[in-house]
């Protein structure tokens, strides 16, 4: 696993198991049982959360989102990495270096 909290496109990410996630009016909300905190993932954040249920390379995650949403690739990459780094700082995802 990677120790720093910066994420790049060539790394692999996956959910940390054990969180309770629910749909609330089209957005996903999550309770971190370990931390006792609620997180509003939003609509697109909820989509990302679903996609990282299994290990996935960040660049593949971006490509999947680009096929679903009308967004510029560089903007998508920036927002996805920022969102993943926020999750990582809260210990909600695991990050691995691609081999």
PDB file of N, CA and C in Angstrom:
ATOM      1  N   UNK A   1       0.832  -1.174   0.000  1.00  0.00           N
ATOM      2  CA  UNK A   1       0.000   0.000   0.000  1.00  0.00           C
ATOM      3  C   UNK A   1       0.882   1.245   0.000  1.00  0.00           C
ATOM      4  N   UNK A   2       0.352   2.348  -0.505  1.00  0.00           N
ATOM      5  CA  UNK A   2       1.091   3.605  -0.605  1.00  0.00           C
ATOM      6  C   UNK A   2       0.870   4.414   0.674  1.00  0.00           C
ATOM      7  N   UNK A   3       1.920   5.082   1.176  1.00  0.00           N
ATOM      8  CA  UNK A   3       1.803   5.815   2.434  1.00  0.00           C
ATOM      9  C   UNK A   3       1.402   7.276   2.277  1.00  0.00           C
ATOM     10  N   UNK A   4       1.860   7.969   1.220  1.00  0.00           N
ATOM     11  CA  UNK A   4       1.505   9.380   1.106  1.00  0.00           C
ATOM     12  C   UNK A   4       0.060   9.509   0.640  1.00  0.00           C
ATOM     13  N   UNK A   5      -0.498  10.710   0.752  1.00  0.00           N
ATOM     14  CA  UNK A   5      -1.915  10.896   0.444  1.00  0.00           C
ATOM     15  C   UNK A   5      -2.151  11.462  -0.947  1.00  0.00           C
ATOM     16  N   UNK A   6      -1.105  11.537  -1.790  1.00  0.00           N
ATOM     17  CA  UNK A   6      -1.248  11.990  -3.171  1.00  0.00           C
ATOM     18  C   UNK A   6      -1.543  10.781  -4.055  1.00  0.00           C
ATOM     19  N   UNK A   7      -2.454  10.965  -4.982  1.00  0.00           N
ATOM     20  CA  UNK A   7      -2.871   9.879  -5.863  1.00  0.00           C
ATOM     21  C   UNK A   7      -2.583  10.277  -7.302  1.00  0.00           C
ATOM     22  N   UNK A   8      -2.116   9.301  -8.096  1.00  0.00           N
ATOM     23  CA  UNK A   8      -1.851   9.562  -9.505  1.00  0.00           C
ATOM     24  C   UNK A   8      -2.703   8.644 -10.376  1.00  0.00           C
ATOM     25  N   UNK A   9      -2.735   8.927 -11.664  1.00  0.00           N
ATOM     26  CA  UNK A   9      -3.561   8.177 -12.603  1.00  0.00           C
ATOM     27  C   UNK A   9      -3.149   6.716 -12.742  1.00  0.00           C
ATOM     28  N   UNK A  10      -1.890   6.394 -12.454  1.00  0.00           N
ATOM     29  CA  UNK A  10      -1.428   5.023 -12.647  1.00  0.00           C
ATOM     30  C   UNK A  10      -1.549   4.167 -11.390  1.00  0.00           C
ATOM     31  N   UNK A  11      -2.113   4.712 -10.327  1.00  0.00           N
ATOM     32  CA  UNK A  11      -2.289   3.933  -9.108  1.00  0.00           C
ATOM     33  C   UNK A  11      -3.625   3.197  -9.113  1.00  0.00           C
ATOM     34  N   UNK A  12      -3.734   2.235  -8.230  1.00  0.00           N
ATOM     35  CA  UNK A  12      -4.942   1.423  -8.101  1.00  0.00           C
ATOM     36  C   UNK A  12      -5.632   1.821  -6.802  1.00  0.00           C
ATOM     37  N   UNK A  13      -6.954   1.949  -6.853  1.00  0.00           N
ATOM     38  CA  UNK A  13      -7.724   2.313  -5.669  1.00  0.00           C
ATOM     39  C   UNK A  13      -8.850   1.308  -5.451  1.00  0.00           C
ATOM     40  N   UNK A  14      -9.289   1.212  -4.208  1.00  0.00           N
ATOM     41  CA  UNK A  14     -10.424   0.352  -3.860  1.00  0.00           C
ATOM     42  C   UNK A  14     -11.023   0.835  -2.545  1.00  0.00           C
ATOM     43  N   UNK A  15     -12.308   0.581  -2.373  1.00  0.00           N
ATOM     44  CA  UNK A  15     -12.988   0.923  -1.133  1.00  0.00           C
ATOM     45  C   UNK A  15     -12.385   0.165   0.045  1.00  0.00           C
ATOM     46  N   UNK A  16     -12.389   0.817   1.198  1.00  0.00           N
ATOM     47  CA  UNK A  16     -12.169   0.114   2.449  1.00  0.00           C
ATOM     48  C   UNK A  16     -13.540  -0.440   2.830  1.00  0.00           C
ATOM     49  N   UNK A  17     -13.611  -1.706   3.128  1.00  0.00           N
ATOM     50  CA  UNK A  17     -14.887  -2.346   3.444  1.00  0.00           C
ATOM     51  C   UNK A  17     -15.340  -1.968   4.859  1.00  0.00           C
ATOM     52  N   UNK A  18     -16.634  -2.121   5.092  1.00  0.00           N
ATOM     53  CA  UNK A  18     -17.162  -1.908   6.440  1.00  0.00           C
ATOM     54  C   UNK A  18     -17.894  -0.594   6.622  1.00  0.00           C
ATOM     55  N   UNK A  19     -18.087   0.164   5.542  1.00  0.00           N
ATOM     56  CA  UNK A  19     -18.842   1.411   5.630  1.00  0.00           C
ATOM     57  C   UNK A  19     -20.277   1.153   5.192  1.00  0.00           C
ATOM     58  N   UNK A  20     -21.203   1.912   5.741  1.00  0.00           N
ATOM     59  CA  UNK A  20     -22.613   1.785   5.382  1.00  0.00           C
ATOM     60  C   UNK A  20     -22.943   2.889   4.394  1.00  0.00           C
ATOM     61  N   UNK A  21     -23.409   2.500   3.197  1.00  0.00           N
ATOM     62  CA  UNK A  21     -23.691   3.457   2.128  1.00  0.00           C
ATOM     63  C   UNK A  21     -25.164   3.343   1.758  1.00  0.00           C
ATOM     64  N   UNK A  22     -25.805   4.502   1.550  1.00  0.00           N
ATOM     65  CA  UNK A  22     -27.226   4.518   1.216  1.00  0.00           C
ATOM     66  C   UNK A  22     -27.495   5.592   0.172  1.00  0.00           C
ATOM     67  N   UNK A  23     -28.516   5.367  -0.656  1.00  0.00           N
ATOM     68  CA  UNK A  23     -28.956   6.380  -1.613  1.00  0.00           C
ATOM     69  C   UNK A  23     -29.962   7.296  -0.939  1.00  0.00           C
ATOM     70  N   UNK A  24     -29.749   8.593  -1.096  1.00  0.00           N
ATOM     71  CA  UNK A  24     -30.654   9.591  -0.531  1.00  0.00           C
ATOM     72  C   UNK A  24     -30.967  10.612  -1.623  1.00  0.00           C
ATOM     73  N   UNK A  25     -32.086  10.461  -2.286  1.00  0.00           N
ATOM     74  CA  UNK A  25     -32.487  11.421  -3.308  1.00  0.00           C
ATOM     75  C   UNK A  25     -31.509  11.534  -4.457  1.00  0.00           C
ATOM     76  N   UNK A  26     -30.952  10.414  -4.915  1.00  0.00           N
ATOM     77  CA  UNK A  26     -30.031  10.429  -6.042  1.00  0.00           C
ATOM     78  C   UNK A  26     -28.580  10.629  -5.668  1.00  0.00           C
ATOM     79  N   UNK A  27     -28.308  10.908  -4.405  1.00  0.00           N
ATOM     80  CA  UNK A  27     -26.938  11.058  -3.936  1.00  0.00           C
ATOM     81  C   UNK A  27     -26.619   9.940  -2.960  1.00  0.00           C
ATOM     82  N   UNK A  28     -25.353   9.616  -2.860  1.00  0.00           N
ATOM     83  CA  UNK A  28     -24.931   8.591  -1.904  1.00  0.00           C
ATOM     84  C   UNK A  28     -24.427   9.265  -0.638  1.00  0.00           C
ATOM     85  N   UNK A  29     -24.833   8.705   0.477  1.00  0.00           N
ATOM     86  CA  UNK A  29     -24.297   9.123   1.771  1.00  0.00           C
ATOM     87  C   UNK A  29     -23.688   7.891   2.413  1.00  0.00           C
ATOM     88  N   UNK A  30     -22.666   8.108   3.211  1.00  0.00           N
ATOM     89  CA  UNK A  30     -21.942   6.993   3.794  1.00  0.00           C
ATOM     90  C   UNK A  30     -21.687   7.263   5.263  1.00  0.00           C
ATOM     91  N   UNK A  31     -21.805   6.213   6.049  1.00  0.00           N
ATOM     92  CA  UNK A  31     -21.425   6.260   7.454  1.00  0.00           C
ATOM     93  C   UNK A  31     -20.167   5.427   7.611  1.00  0.00           C
ATOM     94  N   UNK A  32     -19.116   6.069   8.076  1.00  0.00           N
ATOM     95  CA  UNK A  32     -17.901   5.340   8.418  1.00  0.00           C
ATOM     96  C   UNK A  32     -18.092   4.823   9.829  1.00  0.00           C
ATOM     97  N   UNK A  33     -18.316   3.528   9.950  1.00  0.00           N
ATOM     98  CA  UNK A  33     -18.557   2.921  11.250  1.00  0.00           C
ATOM     99  C   UNK A  33     -17.337   3.101  12.145  1.00  0.00           C
ATOM    100  N   UNK A  34     -16.156   2.928  11.558  1.00  0.00           N
ATOM    101  CA  UNK A  34     -14.921   3.040  12.327  1.00  0.00           C
ATOM    102  C   UNK A  34     -14.724   4.445  12.891  1.00  0.00           C
ATOM    103  N   UNK A  35     -15.018   5.467  12.080  1.00  0.00           N
ATOM    104  CA  UNK A  35     -14.802   6.852  12.498  1.00  0.00           C
ATOM    105  C   UNK A  35     -16.037   7.482  13.133  1.00  0.00           C
ATOM    106  N   UNK A  36     -17.211   6.874  12.903  1.00  0.00           N
ATOM    107  CA  UNK A  36     -18.445   7.449  13.426  1.00  0.00           C
ATOM    108  C   UNK A  36     -18.799   8.759  12.730  1.00  0.00           C
ATOM    109  N   UNK A  37     -18.449   8.882  11.437  1.00  0.00           N
ATOM    110  CA  UNK A  37     -18.696  10.111  10.682  1.00  0.00           C
ATOM    111  C   UNK A  37     -19.550   9.809   9.458  1.00  0.00           C
ATOM    112  N   UNK A  38     -20.387  10.789   9.102  1.00  0.00           N
ATOM    113  CA  UNK A  38     -21.169  10.717   7.875  1.00  0.00           C
ATOM    114  C   UNK A  38     -20.459  11.485   6.773  1.00  0.00           C
ATOM    115  N   UNK A  39     -20.591  11.001   5.538  1.00  0.00           N
ATOM    116  CA  UNK A  39     -20.030  11.665   4.368  1.00  0.00           C
ATOM    117  C   UNK A  39     -21.100  11.706   3.294  1.00  0.00           C
ATOM    118  N   UNK A  40     -21.285  12.870   2.676  1.00  0.00           N
ATOM    119  CA  UNK A  40     -22.168  12.986   1.522  1.00  0.00           C
ATOM    120  C   UNK A  40     -21.283  12.883   0.290  1.00  0.00           C
ATOM    121  N   UNK A  41     -21.409  11.779  -0.435  1.00  0.00           N
ATOM    122  CA  UNK A  41     -20.569  11.557  -1.611  1.00  0.00           C
ATOM    123  C   UNK A  41     -21.105  12.259  -2.847  1.00  0.00           C
ATOM    124  N   UNK A  42     -22.377  12.658  -2.832  1.00  0.00           N
ATOM    125  CA  UNK A  42     -22.984  13.299  -3.988  1.00  0.00           C
ATOM    126  C   UNK A  42     -23.311  12.282  -5.067  1.00  0.00           C
ATOM    127  N   UNK A  43     -23.796  12.774  -6.193  1.00  0.00           N
ATOM    128  CA  UNK A  43     -24.177  11.886  -7.287  1.00  0.00           C
ATOM    129  C   UNK A  43     -22.962  11.282  -7.983  1.00  0.00           C
ATOM    130  N   UNK A  44     -22.047  12.134  -8.443  1.00  0.00           N
ATOM    131  CA  UNK A  44     -20.868  11.630  -9.160  1.00  0.00           C
ATOM    132  C   UNK A  44     -19.926  10.912  -8.191  1.00  0.00           C
ATOM    133  N   UNK A  45     -19.795  11.432  -6.989  1.00  0.00           N
ATOM    134  CA  UNK A  45     -18.985  10.753  -5.980  1.00  0.00           C
ATOM    135  C   UNK A  45     -19.533   9.373  -5.668  1.00  0.00           C
ATOM    136  N   UNK A  46     -20.858   9.258  -5.667  1.00  0.00           N
ATOM    137  CA  UNK A  46     -21.489   7.953  -5.461  1.00  0.00           C
ATOM    138  C   UNK A  46     -21.184   6.999  -6.601  1.00  0.00           C
ATOM    139  N   UNK A  47     -21.151   7.542  -7.817  1.00  0.00           N
ATOM    140  CA  UNK A  47     -20.790   6.729  -8.988  1.00  0.00           C
ATOM    141  C   UNK A  47     -19.348   6.239  -8.863  1.00  0.00           C
ATOM    142  N   UNK A  48     -18.455   7.136  -8.448  1.00  0.00           N
ATOM    143  CA  UNK A  48     -17.056   6.752  -8.244  1.00  0.00           C
ATOM    144  C   UNK A  48     -16.970   5.682  -7.161  1.00  0.00           C
ATOM    145  N   UNK A  49     -17.714   5.866  -6.078  1.00  0.00           N
ATOM    146  CA  UNK A  49     -17.705   4.888  -4.986  1.00  0.00           C
ATOM    147  C   UNK A  49     -18.108   3.504  -5.499  1.00  0.00           C
ATOM    148  N   UNK A  50     -19.148   3.460  -6.325  1.00  0.00           N
ATOM    149  CA  UNK A  50     -19.585   2.182  -6.895  1.00  0.00           C
ATOM    150  C   UNK A  50     -18.482   1.551  -7.743  1.00  0.00           C
ATOM    151  N   UNK A  51     -17.797   2.376  -8.530  1.00  0.00           N
ATOM    152  CA  UNK A  51     -16.769   1.868  -9.439  1.00  0.00           C
ATOM    153  C   UNK A  51     -15.526   1.363  -8.715  1.00  0.00           C
ATOM    154  N   UNK A  52     -15.290   1.846  -7.503  1.00  0.00           N
ATOM    155  CA  UNK A  52     -14.100   1.406  -6.761  1.00  0.00           C
ATOM    156  C   UNK A  52     -14.442   0.313  -5.751  1.00  0.00           C
ATOM    157  N   UNK A  53     -15.569  -0.348  -5.957  1.00  0.00           N
ATOM    158  CA  UNK A  53     -15.930  -1.485  -5.111  1.00  0.00           C
ATOM    159  C   UNK A  53     -14.911  -2.607  -5.211  1.00  0.00           C
ATOM    160  N   UNK A  54     -14.273  -2.695  -6.346  1.00  0.00           N
ATOM    161  CA  UNK A  54     -13.157  -3.611  -6.580  1.00  0.00           C
ATOM    162  C   UNK A  54     -11.968  -2.764  -7.021  1.00  0.00           C
ATOM    163  N   UNK A  55     -10.768  -3.310  -6.911  1.00  0.00           N
ATOM    164  CA  UNK A  55      -9.572  -2.561  -7.311  1.00  0.00           C
ATOM    165  C   UNK A  55      -9.687  -2.111  -8.763  1.00  0.00           C
ATOM    166  N   UNK A  56      -9.333  -0.848  -8.999  1.00  0.00           N
ATOM    167  CA  UNK A  56      -9.365  -0.283 -10.352  1.00  0.00           C
ATOM    168  C   UNK A  56      -8.253   0.754 -10.477  1.00  0.00           C
ATOM    169  N   UNK A  57      -7.630   0.798 -11.643  1.00  0.00           N
ATOM    170  CA  UNK A  57      -6.614   1.814 -11.922  1.00  0.00           C
ATOM    171  C   UNK A  57      -7.332   3.149 -12.102  1.00  0.00           C
ATOM    172  N   UNK A  58      -6.793   4.203 -11.525  1.00  0.00           N
ATOM    173  CA  UNK A  58      -7.444   5.515 -11.561  1.00  0.00           C
ATOM    174  C   UNK A  58      -7.702   5.965 -13.000  1.00  0.00           C
ATOM    175  N   UNK A  59      -6.764   5.723 -13.915  1.00  0.00           N
ATOM    176  CA  UNK A  59      -6.969   6.131 -15.308  1.00  0.00           C
ATOM    177  C   UNK A  59      -8.158   5.401 -15.931  1.00  0.00           C
ATOM    178  N   UNK A  60      -8.383   4.149 -15.574  1.00  0.00           N
ATOM    179  CA  UNK A  60      -9.544   3.406 -16.069  1.00  0.00           C
ATOM    180  C   UNK A  60     -10.846   3.970 -15.490  1.00  0.00           C
ATOM    181  N   UNK A  61     -10.787   4.382 -14.246  1.00  0.00           N
ATOM    182  CA  UNK A  61     -11.927   5.025 -13.594  1.00  0.00           C
ATOM    183  C   UNK A  61     -12.303   6.300 -14.341  1.00  0.00           C
ATOM    184  N   UNK A  62     -11.305   7.101 -14.690  1.00  0.00           N
ATOM    185  CA  UNK A  62     -11.535   8.342 -15.442  1.00  0.00           C
ATOM    186  C   UNK A  62     -12.158   8.034 -16.805  1.00  0.00           C
ATOM    187  N   UNK A  63     -11.640   7.044 -17.509  1.00  0.00           N
ATOM    188  CA  UNK A  63     -12.183   6.680 -18.828  1.00  0.00           C
ATOM    189  C   UNK A  63     -13.650   6.272 -18.708  1.00  0.00           C
ATOM    190  N   UNK A  64     -13.970   5.491 -17.694  1.00  0.00           N
ATOM    191  CA  UNK A  64     -15.359   5.080 -17.480  1.00  0.00           C
ATOM    192  C   UNK A  64     -16.258   6.292 -17.258  1.00  0.00           C
ATOM    193  N   UNK A  65     -15.803   7.238 -16.460  1.00  0.00           N
ATOM    194  CA  UNK A  65     -16.604   8.441 -16.190  1.00  0.00           C
ATOM    195  C   UNK A  65     -16.750   9.306 -17.440  1.00  0.00           C
ATOM    196  N   UNK A  66     -15.692   9.363 -18.269  1.00  0.00           N
ATOM    197  CA  UNK A  66     -15.751  10.156 -19.502  1.00  0.00           C
ATOM    198  C   UNK A  66     -16.798   9.610 -20.469  1.00  0.00           C
ATOM    199  N   UNK A  67     -17.022   8.293 -20.440  1.00  0.00           N
ATOM    200  CA  UNK A  67     -18.039   7.714 -21.321  1.00  0.00           C
ATOM    201  C   UNK A  67     -19.448   7.997 -20.816  1.00  0.00           C
ATOM    202  N   UNK A  68     -19.560   8.325 -19.540  1.00  0.00           N
ATOM    203  CA  UNK A  68     -20.875   8.530 -18.923  1.00  0.00           C
ATOM    204  C   UNK A  68     -21.263  10.008 -18.815  1.00  0.00           C
ATOM    205  N   UNK A  69     -20.276  10.871 -18.667  1.00  0.00           N
ATOM    206  CA  UNK A  69     -20.530  12.300 -18.447  1.00  0.00           C
ATOM    207  C   UNK A  69     -19.839  13.128 -19.525  1.00  0.00           C
ATOM    208  N   UNK A  70     -20.456  14.227 -19.909  1.00  0.00           N
ATOM    209  CA  UNK A  70     -19.892  15.142 -20.894  1.00  0.00           C
ATOM    210  C   UNK A  70     -18.978  16.132 -20.173  1.00  0.00           C
ATOM    211  N   UNK A  71     -17.713  15.761 -20.042  1.00  0.00           N
ATOM    212  CA  UNK A  71     -16.757  16.576 -19.300  1.00  0.00           C
ATOM    213  C   UNK A  71     -15.398  16.475 -19.984  1.00  0.00           C
ATOM    214  N   UNK A  72     -14.616  17.536 -19.862  1.00  0.00           N
ATOM    215  CA  UNK A  72     -13.258  17.580 -20.388  1.00  0.00           C
ATOM    216  C   UNK A  72     -12.378  16.581 -19.626  1.00  0.00           C
ATOM    217  N   UNK A  73     -11.510  15.870 -20.341  1.00  0.00           N
ATOM    218  CA  UNK A  73     -10.686  14.844 -19.710  1.00  0.00           C
ATOM    219  C   UNK A  73      -9.800  15.390 -18.605  1.00  0.00           C
ATOM    220  N   UNK A  74      -9.134  16.502 -18.839  1.00  0.00           N
ATOM    221  CA  UNK A  74      -8.236  17.026 -17.796  1.00  0.00           C
ATOM    222  C   UNK A  74      -9.024  17.470 -16.567  1.00  0.00           C
ATOM    223  N   UNK A  75     -10.194  18.048 -16.771  1.00  0.00           N
ATOM    224  CA  UNK A  75     -11.044  18.441 -15.633  1.00  0.00           C
ATOM    225  C   UNK A  75     -11.516  17.207 -14.872  1.00  0.00           C
ATOM    226  N   UNK A  76     -11.880  16.166 -15.619  1.00  0.00           N
ATOM    227  CA  UNK A  76     -12.316  14.917 -15.005  1.00  0.00           C
ATOM    228  C   UNK A  76     -11.189  14.316 -14.170  1.00  0.00           C
ATOM    229  N   UNK A  77     -10.004  14.251 -14.733  1.00  0.00           N
ATOM    230  CA  UNK A  77      -8.851  13.698 -14.013  1.00  0.00           C
ATOM    231  C   UNK A  77      -8.600  14.472 -12.726  1.00  0.00           C
ATOM    232  N   UNK A  78      -8.634  15.802 -12.822  1.00  0.00           N
ATOM    233  CA  UNK A  78      -8.376  16.654 -11.664  1.00  0.00           C
ATOM    234  C   UNK A  78      -9.409  16.425 -10.559  1.00  0.00           C
ATOM    235  N   UNK A  79     -10.682  16.382 -10.947  1.00  0.00           N
ATOM    236  CA  UNK A  79     -11.749  16.212  -9.962  1.00  0.00           C
ATOM    237  C   UNK A  79     -11.734  14.813  -9.347  1.00  0.00           C
ATOM    238  N   UNK A  80     -11.489  13.801 -10.160  1.00  0.00           N
ATOM    239  CA  UNK A  80     -11.446  12.427  -9.652  1.00  0.00           C
ATOM    240  C   UNK A  80     -10.295  12.269  -8.662  1.00  0.00           C
ATOM    241  N   UNK A  81      -9.124  12.760  -9.020  1.00  0.00           N
ATOM    242  CA  UNK A  81      -7.970  12.646  -8.129  1.00  0.00           C
ATOM    243  C   UNK A  81      -8.219  13.410  -6.827  1.00  0.00           C
ATOM    244  N   UNK A  82      -8.778  14.591  -6.924  1.00  0.00           N
ATOM    245  CA  UNK A  82      -9.085  15.378  -5.729  1.00  0.00           C
ATOM    246  C   UNK A  82     -10.077  14.642  -4.823  1.00  0.00           C
ATOM    247  N   UNK A  83     -11.119  14.071  -5.420  1.00  0.00           N
ATOM    248  CA  UNK A  83     -12.117  13.326  -4.662  1.00  0.00           C
ATOM    249  C   UNK A  83     -11.480  12.097  -3.999  1.00  0.00           C
ATOM    250  N   UNK A  84     -10.681  11.353  -4.765  1.00  0.00           N
ATOM    251  CA  UNK A  84     -10.030  10.165  -4.213  1.00  0.00           C
ATOM    252  C   UNK A  84      -9.065  10.523  -3.088  1.00  0.00           C
ATOM    253  N   UNK A  85      -8.346  11.623  -3.242  1.00  0.00           N
ATOM    254  CA  UNK A  85      -7.430  12.048  -2.178  1.00  0.00           C
ATOM    255  C   UNK A  85      -8.196  12.403  -0.913  1.00  0.00           C
ATOM    256  N   UNK A  86      -9.381  13.005  -1.064  1.00  0.00           N
ATOM    257  CA  UNK A  86     -10.221  13.312   0.102  1.00  0.00           C
ATOM    258  C   UNK A  86     -10.651  12.029   0.804  1.00  0.00           C
ATOM    259  N   UNK A  87     -11.058  11.028   0.022  1.00  0.00           N
ATOM    260  CA  UNK A  87     -11.438   9.739   0.604  1.00  0.00           C
ATOM    261  C   UNK A  87     -10.247   9.075   1.295  1.00  0.00           C
ATOM    262  N   UNK A  88      -9.079   9.182   0.657  1.00  0.00           N
ATOM    263  CA  UNK A  88      -7.871   8.554   1.196  1.00  0.00           C
ATOM    264  C   UNK A  88      -7.470   9.200   2.520  1.00  0.00           C
ATOM    265  N   UNK A  89      -7.573  10.510   2.599  1.00  0.00           N
ATOM    266  CA  UNK A  89      -7.226  11.219   3.840  1.00  0.00           C
ATOM    267  C   UNK A  89      -8.139  10.801   4.991  1.00  0.00           C
ATOM    268  N   UNK A  90      -9.354  10.367   4.660  1.00  0.00           N
ATOM    269  CA  UNK A  90     -10.298   9.894   5.674  1.00  0.00           C
ATOM    270  C   UNK A  90     -10.200   8.374   5.890  1.00  0.00           C
ATOM    271  N   UNK A  91      -9.214   7.745   5.237  1.00  0.00           N
ATOM    272  CA  UNK A  91      -9.002   6.291   5.330  1.00  0.00           C
ATOM    273  C   UNK A  91     -10.210   5.488   4.851  1.00  0.00           C
ATOM    274  N   UNK A  92     -10.888   5.988   3.810  1.00  0.00           N
ATOM    275  CA  UNK A  92     -12.061   5.318   3.257  1.00  0.00           C
ATOM    276  C   UNK A  92     -11.718   4.470   2.034  1.00  0.00           C
ATOM    277  N   UNK A  93     -10.520   4.677   1.482  1.00  0.00           N
ATOM    278  CA  UNK A  93     -10.062   3.862   0.348  1.00  0.00           C
ATOM    279  C   UNK A  93      -8.631   3.410   0.598  1.00  0.00           C
ATOM    280  N   UNK A  94      -8.262   2.364  -0.127  1.00  0.00           N
ATOM    281  CA  UNK A  94      -6.893   1.888  -0.133  1.00  0.00           C
ATOM    282  C   UNK A  94      -6.278   2.263  -1.473  1.00  0.00           C
ATOM    283  N   UNK A  95      -5.003   2.594  -1.474  1.00  0.00           N
ATOM    284  CA  UNK A  95      -4.292   2.977  -2.696  1.00  0.00           C
ATOM    285  C   UNK A  95      -3.075   2.081  -2.844  1.00  0.00           C
ATOM    286  N   UNK A  96      -2.920   1.546  -4.052  1.00  0.00           N
ATOM    287  CA  UNK A  96      -1.819   0.637  -4.346  1.00  0.00           C
ATOM    288  C   UNK A  96      -1.045   1.162  -5.556  1.00  0.00           C
ATOM    289  N   UNK A  97       0.226   0.843  -5.613  1.00  0.00           N
ATOM    290  CA  UNK A  97       1.036   1.185  -6.772  1.00  0.00           C
ATOM    291  C   UNK A  97       0.846   0.096  -7.812  1.00  0.00           C
ATOM    292  N   UNK A  98       0.555   0.511  -9.044  1.00  0.00           N
ATOM    293  CA  UNK A  98       0.379  -0.461 -10.144  1.00  0.00           C
ATOM    294  C   UNK A  98       1.708  -1.149 -10.394  1.00  0.00           C
ATOM    295  N   UNK A  99       1.645  -2.400 -10.727  1.00  0.00           N
ATOM    296  CA  UNK A  99       2.874  -3.164 -10.983  1.00  0.00           C
ATOM    297  C   UNK A  99       3.284  -3.056 -12.424  1.00  0.00           C
TER     298      UNK A  99
END
